[in-house]
Amino acid sequence: MTGWIGISLGDVTGIGPEVALKAVAAEAPKDDAKYLFIGDEKKLRQVNEKLSLNLPLKKFSGYADAGKFFSANPVAEPLPEELPLSSLLAARASVKCLRDGAERCLRRELDALVTAPVNKKSIIHAGFSFVGQTEFLSELAKTDHTVMMLLGHDDKNRWLRVALTTIHLPLKSVPEKITPTKIILAIELATQACRDLGLPRAKIVVAGLNPHAGESGEFGDEEVKIIAPTVVAAQKKGFDVVGPLSGDTIFHYALKGDYDAVVAMYHDQGLAPLKAVAFDTGVNWTLGLPFIRTSPDHGTAYDIAGKGIANPSSMVAAIRLAKHLAKNKG
């Protein structure tokens, strides 16, 4: 049995409620899960009615409740009916909903948490110190041993799985932040991710930082001094890992199936090729948390919010992955 899947609605002035409801409406007939939408209940019901999805939403009162679709709002006061895009009220509510979902997971009340998009700039303007949902959840779980993995498939069902050594940093800060500790963590968690997914193997390839993986030190020495020795150390620990290989070719070979996951050195090195082949099916999975957390790989999309035309494919993929992981874990 899959159990309870929590979905935090994110910034409700964006497309979060829409893609969440569309995705659940598409997925629910295929599973035995129960869904808890965490966010503004009035907004949720308005979107449900507007899209004619007719999900029988119930106000959550306890985990023994009969039914399949529930809503809970950790914010004391309902949000105003009319909110401007990127509203600070909506930003504050999105943080409270994210925290509520994570705390339910930490209490083992939910089997997984799927997080709809938030607006980092609005959250910061609302008075929070906020780098991203991954960092927020890591701090809440009291761990710094987390890694962001993005995964998705193309129209031929060929998969890319990319674990990031560094994430939300200015590009100029990346070289100094690449350490053996971070690289080995990404290798270890990418390997465990392959096992959690039920893959028959866990062959990992590590990207270089510089063009052509540094050309033996000609274009930078991070590969020679840091990355290559760390890969050797991981091999000695028994990990099936190779590298560093040139970042301009490894994604091609990974997509062909030569490798099961790529360890990229920085955010755009990993996400650009992932989004090129799996823009609609990409999922953000936080590895290393004490609970399952996935998220669609897109933002709030204010330009199409409220129009009913948002593509729920990435949210569908995020929910499917959360259910798959929860079932395997259970």
Protein backbone atom coordinates (compact mmCIF):
# COMPACT_ATOMS: atom_id res chain seq x y z
CA MET A 1 0.00 0.00 0.00
CA THR A 2 1.27 3.47 -0.91
CA GLY A 3 -0.16 5.37 2.10
CA TRP A 4 -0.46 9.14 2.45
CA ILE A 5 1.00 11.55 -0.11
CA GLY A 6 1.21 15.17 1.03
CA ILE A 7 1.22 17.98 -1.53
CA SER A 8 2.16 21.48 -0.40
CA LEU A 9 0.50 23.93 -2.77
CA GLY A 10 3.41 26.38 -2.96
CA ASP A 11 2.69 29.94 -4.06
CA VAL A 12 -1.05 29.89 -4.74
CA THR A 13 -0.83 32.93 -7.02
CA GLY A 14 1.15 30.69 -9.39
CA ILE A 15 0.18 27.41 -11.06
CA GLY A 16 0.78 25.18 -8.01
CA PRO A 17 -2.87 24.49 -7.11
CA GLU A 18 -3.78 23.93 -10.76
CA VAL A 19 -1.05 21.41 -11.58
CA ALA A 20 -1.49 19.67 -8.21
CA LEU A 21 -5.20 19.10 -8.77
CA LYS A 22 -4.79 18.12 -12.42
CA ALA A 23 -2.02 15.67 -11.58
CA VAL A 24 -3.90 14.04 -8.71
CA ALA A 25 -7.05 13.76 -10.83
CA ALA A 26 -4.99 11.93 -13.47
CA GLU A 27 -3.10 9.68 -11.04
CA ALA A 28 -5.65 8.86 -8.34
CA PRO A 29 -7.61 6.25 -10.34
CA LYS A 30 -4.39 4.23 -10.70
CA ASP A 31 -3.45 3.93 -7.02
CA ASP A 32 -4.50 3.22 -3.47
CA ALA A 33 -2.93 6.38 -2.03
CA LYS A 34 -4.62 9.05 0.03
CA TYR A 35 -3.79 12.66 -0.82
CA LEU A 36 -3.46 15.57 1.58
CA PHE A 37 -3.34 19.00 -0.11
CA ILE A 38 -1.61 21.43 2.25
CA GLY A 39 -2.59 25.03 1.61
CA ASP A 40 -5.45 27.47 1.30
CA GLU A 41 -8.64 25.39 1.17
CA LYS A 42 -10.83 28.04 -0.42
CA LYS A 43 -8.36 28.55 -3.27
CA LEU A 44 -8.09 24.79 -3.73
CA ARG A 45 -11.86 24.37 -4.00
CA GLN A 46 -12.16 27.32 -6.40
CA VAL A 47 -9.58 25.81 -8.75
CA ASN A 48 -11.17 22.35 -8.43
CA GLU A 49 -14.52 23.82 -9.49
CA LYS A 50 -13.10 26.07 -12.20
CA LEU A 51 -11.27 23.17 -13.86
CA SER A 52 -14.36 20.92 -13.51
CA LEU A 53 -12.20 18.22 -11.94
CA ASN A 54 -14.83 17.52 -9.29
CA LEU A 55 -12.45 15.85 -6.87
CA PRO A 56 -14.47 15.09 -3.70
CA LEU A 57 -12.28 17.15 -1.36
CA LYS A 58 -12.79 16.77 2.37
CA LYS A 59 -11.51 18.90 5.20
CA PHE A 60 -8.83 16.85 6.97
CA SER A 61 -9.53 15.88 10.56
CA GLY A 62 -7.39 12.78 11.06
CA TYR A 63 -5.50 10.04 9.26
CA ALA A 64 -8.32 7.57 9.93
CA ASP A 65 -10.70 9.68 7.82
CA ALA A 66 -12.68 7.83 5.16
CA GLY A 67 -12.06 9.13 1.66
CA LYS A 68 -9.15 9.80 -0.67
CA PHE A 69 -8.74 13.56 -1.12
CA PHE A 70 -8.24 15.91 1.81
CA SER A 71 -7.17 19.49 2.45
CA ALA A 72 -5.50 21.07 5.45
CA ASN A 73 -4.46 24.68 5.96
CA PRO A 74 -1.74 25.43 8.53
CA VAL A 75 -2.32 29.18 8.11
CA ALA A 76 -4.73 30.53 10.71
CA GLU A 77 -6.43 33.07 8.45
CA PRO A 78 -7.62 32.19 4.92
CA LEU A 79 -5.94 34.19 2.19
CA PRO A 80 -7.90 37.03 0.57
CA GLU A 81 -9.85 35.95 -2.49
CA GLU A 82 -8.01 38.39 -4.75
CA LEU A 83 -4.23 38.30 -4.47
CA PRO A 84 -1.67 39.95 -6.74
CA LEU A 85 0.94 37.73 -8.37
CA SER A 86 3.89 37.01 -6.05
CA SER A 87 1.93 38.34 -3.08
CA LEU A 88 3.87 38.49 0.19
CA LEU A 89 0.87 36.94 1.95
CA ALA A 90 1.00 34.02 -0.46
CA ALA A 91 4.78 33.76 0.03
CA ARG A 92 4.43 33.54 3.83
CA ALA A 93 1.69 30.95 3.45
CA SER A 94 3.84 28.87 1.09
CA VAL A 95 6.61 28.64 3.71
CA LYS A 96 4.13 27.60 6.41
CA CYS A 97 2.69 24.92 4.15
CA LEU A 98 6.14 23.62 3.25
CA ARG A 99 7.07 23.45 6.92
CA ASP A 100 3.79 21.75 7.83
CA GLY A 101 4.26 19.06 5.19
CA ALA A 102 7.83 18.38 6.23
CA GLU A 103 6.91 18.18 9.91
CA ARG A 104 4.17 15.69 9.11
CA CYS A 105 6.77 13.59 7.28
CA LEU A 106 9.21 13.84 10.17
CA ARG A 107 6.45 12.62 12.47
CA ARG A 108 5.93 9.73 10.00
CA GLU A 109 2.36 10.78 9.34
CA LEU A 110 2.93 11.17 5.60
CA ASP A 111 4.74 8.64 3.40
CA ALA A 112 6.02 11.31 1.00
CA LEU A 113 5.86 15.04 0.35
CA VAL A 114 5.46 16.58 -3.10
CA THR A 115 6.15 20.32 -3.13
CA ALA A 116 4.61 22.71 -5.64
CA PRO A 117 6.69 25.71 -6.77
CA VAL A 118 7.37 28.71 -4.55
CA ASN A 119 8.81 32.13 -5.37
CA LYS A 120 12.16 32.60 -3.66
CA LYS A 121 12.28 36.35 -4.23
CA SER A 122 8.83 36.87 -2.68
CA ILE A 123 9.71 34.67 0.29
CA ILE A 124 12.87 36.68 0.95
CA HIS A 125 10.92 39.95 0.63
CA ALA A 126 8.41 38.52 3.11
CA GLY A 127 11.16 38.38 5.70
CA PHE A 128 12.52 34.84 5.47
CA SER A 129 16.12 33.74 4.99
CA PHE A 130 15.50 31.41 2.07
CA VAL A 131 17.83 29.88 -0.53
CA GLY A 132 15.51 27.19 -1.84
CA GLN A 133 13.13 24.44 -0.80
CA THR A 134 15.94 21.86 -0.76
CA GLU A 135 17.99 23.92 1.69
CA PHE A 136 14.92 24.79 3.78
CA LEU A 137 13.93 21.14 4.16
CA SER A 138 17.50 20.09 4.90
CA GLU A 139 17.73 22.63 7.72
CA LEU A 140 14.35 21.57 9.08
CA ALA A 141 15.47 17.93 9.08
CA LYS A 142 18.76 18.98 10.75
CA THR A 143 20.97 17.52 8.06
CA ASP A 144 23.50 18.94 5.62
CA HIS A 145 23.96 15.58 3.91
CA THR A 146 21.48 16.17 1.12
CA VAL A 147 21.89 16.27 -2.64
CA MET A 148 19.54 17.54 -5.33
CA MET A 149 18.82 15.00 -8.05
CA LEU A 150 16.90 15.84 -11.21
CA LEU A 151 15.57 13.02 -13.32
CA GLY A 152 13.37 12.66 -16.35
CA HIS A 153 12.95 10.84 -19.66
CA ASP A 154 12.64 11.75 -23.32
CA ASP A 155 9.94 10.65 -25.77
CA LYS A 156 11.81 7.34 -26.26
CA ASN A 157 11.69 6.66 -22.51
CA ARG A 158 15.44 7.18 -22.18
CA TRP A 159 16.32 8.50 -18.73
CA LEU A 160 18.72 11.07 -17.39
CA ARG A 161 19.41 11.17 -13.65
CA VAL A 162 21.64 13.99 -12.48
CA ALA A 163 22.94 14.54 -8.94
CA LEU A 164 24.39 18.00 -8.25
CA THR A 165 27.58 18.51 -6.26
CA THR A 166 26.74 22.21 -5.75
CA ILE A 167 23.41 23.88 -6.35
CA HIS A 168 22.32 27.49 -5.78
CA LEU A 169 25.62 29.34 -6.06
CA PRO A 170 27.05 32.10 -8.24
CA LEU A 171 29.18 30.48 -10.94
CA LYS A 172 32.30 32.27 -9.68
CA SER A 173 31.90 30.54 -6.30
CA VAL A 174 31.60 27.00 -7.67
CA PRO A 175 35.32 26.00 -7.86
CA GLU A 176 35.98 26.81 -4.21
CA LYS A 177 32.85 24.95 -3.11
CA ILE A 178 33.73 21.71 -4.90
CA THR A 179 35.22 19.49 -2.19
CA PRO A 180 35.93 15.76 -1.86
CA THR A 181 33.24 15.59 0.83
CA LYS A 182 30.56 16.99 -1.48
CA ILE A 183 31.61 14.85 -4.45
CA ILE A 184 31.67 11.61 -2.47
CA LEU A 185 28.29 12.45 -0.94
CA ALA A 186 26.80 12.96 -4.40
CA ILE A 187 28.28 9.64 -5.57
CA GLU A 188 26.99 7.78 -2.51
CA LEU A 189 23.49 9.25 -2.66
CA ALA A 190 23.22 8.81 -6.44
CA THR A 191 24.15 5.17 -5.97
CA GLN A 192 21.54 4.75 -3.25
CA ALA A 193 18.98 6.51 -5.45
CA CYS A 194 19.50 3.93 -8.18
CA ARG A 195 18.87 1.20 -5.62
CA ASP A 196 15.78 2.97 -4.26
CA LEU A 197 14.44 3.17 -7.80
CA GLY A 198 14.92 -0.58 -8.19
CA LEU A 199 17.42 -0.29 -11.05
CA PRO A 200 19.45 -3.42 -11.82
CA ARG A 201 22.73 -1.53 -11.37
CA ALA A 202 24.11 1.78 -10.14
CA LYS A 203 26.82 2.89 -12.57
CA ILE A 204 27.76 6.51 -11.87
CA VAL A 205 29.76 8.91 -14.05
CA VAL A 206 31.30 12.10 -12.65
CA ALA A 207 31.62 15.22 -14.78
CA GLY A 208 34.65 17.43 -14.85
CA LEU A 209 34.35 21.10 -13.99
CA ASN A 210 36.41 22.58 -16.81
CA PRO A 211 36.21 22.15 -20.61
CA HIS A 212 37.43 18.69 -21.65
CA ALA A 213 37.70 17.81 -17.95
CA GLY A 214 40.63 20.18 -17.66
CA GLU A 215 42.89 18.56 -20.31
CA SER A 216 45.23 17.17 -17.62
CA GLY A 217 45.52 20.55 -15.95
CA GLU A 218 45.75 22.74 -19.05
CA PHE A 219 42.33 24.36 -18.45
CA GLY A 220 42.19 24.19 -14.68
CA ASP A 221 43.42 21.81 -12.00
CA GLU A 222 40.22 20.93 -10.10
CA GLU A 223 40.01 17.62 -11.95
CA VAL A 224 43.60 16.64 -11.15
CA LYS A 225 43.65 17.86 -7.56
CA ILE A 226 40.12 17.19 -6.33
CA ILE A 227 37.72 15.34 -8.60
CA ALA A 228 39.86 12.47 -9.92
CA PRO A 229 41.32 11.52 -6.50
CA THR A 230 37.81 11.53 -5.04
CA VAL A 231 36.55 9.21 -7.79
CA VAL A 232 39.47 6.84 -7.09
CA ALA A 233 38.64 6.93 -3.37
CA ALA A 234 35.01 6.08 -4.17
CA GLN A 235 36.11 3.19 -6.37
CA LYS A 236 38.18 1.82 -3.51
CA LYS A 237 35.06 1.95 -1.34
CA GLY A 238 33.31 -0.30 -3.87
CA PHE A 239 31.26 2.23 -5.83
CA ASP A 240 30.78 1.62 -9.55
CA VAL A 241 31.91 5.07 -10.64
CA VAL A 242 34.11 6.58 -13.36
CA GLY A 243 35.37 10.07 -14.12
CA PRO A 244 35.96 12.87 -14.33
CA LEU A 245 34.83 12.87 -17.94
CA SER A 246 34.13 15.86 -20.13
CA GLY A 247 30.79 17.48 -19.36
CA ASP A 248 30.05 18.04 -23.05
CA THR A 249 29.76 14.31 -23.80
CA ILE A 250 28.73 12.38 -20.68
CA PHE A 251 25.05 13.30 -20.91
CA HIS A 252 24.91 11.82 -24.40
CA TYR A 253 26.29 8.52 -23.12
CA ALA A 254 24.10 8.59 -20.03
CA LEU A 255 21.01 9.08 -22.20
CA LYS A 256 22.12 6.08 -24.28
CA GLY A 257 22.14 4.01 -21.09
CA ASP A 258 25.89 3.64 -20.56
CA TYR A 259 25.51 5.21 -17.11
CA ASP A 260 22.63 5.22 -14.64
CA ALA A 261 23.33 8.61 -13.07
CA VAL A 262 25.57 11.61 -13.64
CA VAL A 263 27.24 13.60 -10.87
CA ALA A 264 27.45 17.18 -12.16
CA MET A 265 29.63 19.85 -10.59
CA TYR A 266 27.18 22.75 -10.68
CA HIS A 267 23.54 23.64 -11.20
CA ASP A 268 23.33 24.51 -14.90
CA GLN A 269 25.87 21.88 -15.97
CA GLY A 270 23.36 19.26 -14.85
CA LEU A 271 20.02 20.96 -15.39
CA ALA A 272 20.54 22.33 -18.90
CA PRO A 273 20.88 18.91 -20.56
CA LEU A 274 18.21 17.42 -18.29
CA LYS A 275 15.68 20.07 -19.29
CA ALA A 276 16.68 19.82 -22.94
CA VAL A 277 15.56 16.17 -23.08
CA ALA A 278 12.95 16.04 -20.31
CA PHE A 279 11.46 19.48 -19.88
CA ASP A 280 7.91 18.23 -19.27
CA THR A 281 8.81 15.11 -17.30
CA GLY A 282 11.62 16.41 -15.09
CA VAL A 283 11.40 15.80 -11.35
CA ASN A 284 13.41 17.28 -8.49
CA TRP A 285 14.18 14.64 -5.84
CA THR A 286 16.00 15.59 -2.64
CA LEU A 287 18.35 12.75 -1.73
CA GLY A 288 19.49 12.28 1.85
CA LEU A 289 16.43 13.58 3.69
CA PRO A 290 14.87 11.29 6.31
CA PHE A 291 11.68 11.37 4.23
CA ILE A 292 10.70 11.27 0.56
CA ARG A 293 10.44 14.66 -1.11
CA THR A 294 9.88 15.28 -4.81
CA SER A 295 8.88 18.37 -6.77
CA PRO A 296 8.03 19.33 -10.34
CA ASP A 297 10.96 20.83 -12.19
CA HIS A 298 9.40 24.20 -13.01
CA GLY A 299 8.53 27.47 -11.36
CA THR A 300 5.38 29.38 -10.48
CA ALA A 301 4.68 30.38 -14.12
CA TYR A 302 2.84 33.59 -13.21
CA ASP A 303 2.31 34.38 -16.89
CA ILE A 304 -0.21 31.54 -17.27
CA ALA A 305 -1.51 31.34 -13.67
CA GLY A 306 -5.29 31.22 -13.46
CA LYS A 307 -5.77 30.48 -17.16
CA GLY A 308 -6.30 26.74 -16.77
CA ILE A 309 -3.65 25.88 -19.38
CA ALA A 310 -0.74 24.78 -17.17
CA ASN A 311 0.83 21.45 -18.16
CA PRO A 312 0.73 19.08 -15.17
CA SER A 313 3.19 16.54 -16.65
CA SER A 314 6.07 17.40 -14.33
CA MET A 315 3.79 17.29 -11.29
CA VAL A 316 2.40 13.95 -12.47
CA ALA A 317 5.97 12.66 -12.72
CA ALA A 318 6.78 14.00 -9.24
CA ILE A 319 3.74 12.27 -7.74
CA ARG A 320 4.48 9.03 -9.55
CA LEU A 321 8.06 9.03 -8.28
CA ALA A 322 6.91 9.80 -4.72
CA LYS A 323 4.41 6.91 -4.85
CA HIS A 324 6.99 4.54 -6.34
CA LEU A 325 9.55 5.37 -3.66
CA ALA A 326 6.96 5.16 -0.88
CA LYS A 327 5.80 1.75 -2.06
CA ASN A 328 9.37 0.45 -2.34
CA LYS A 329 10.21 1.80 1.10
CA GLY A 330 7.03 0.40 2.61
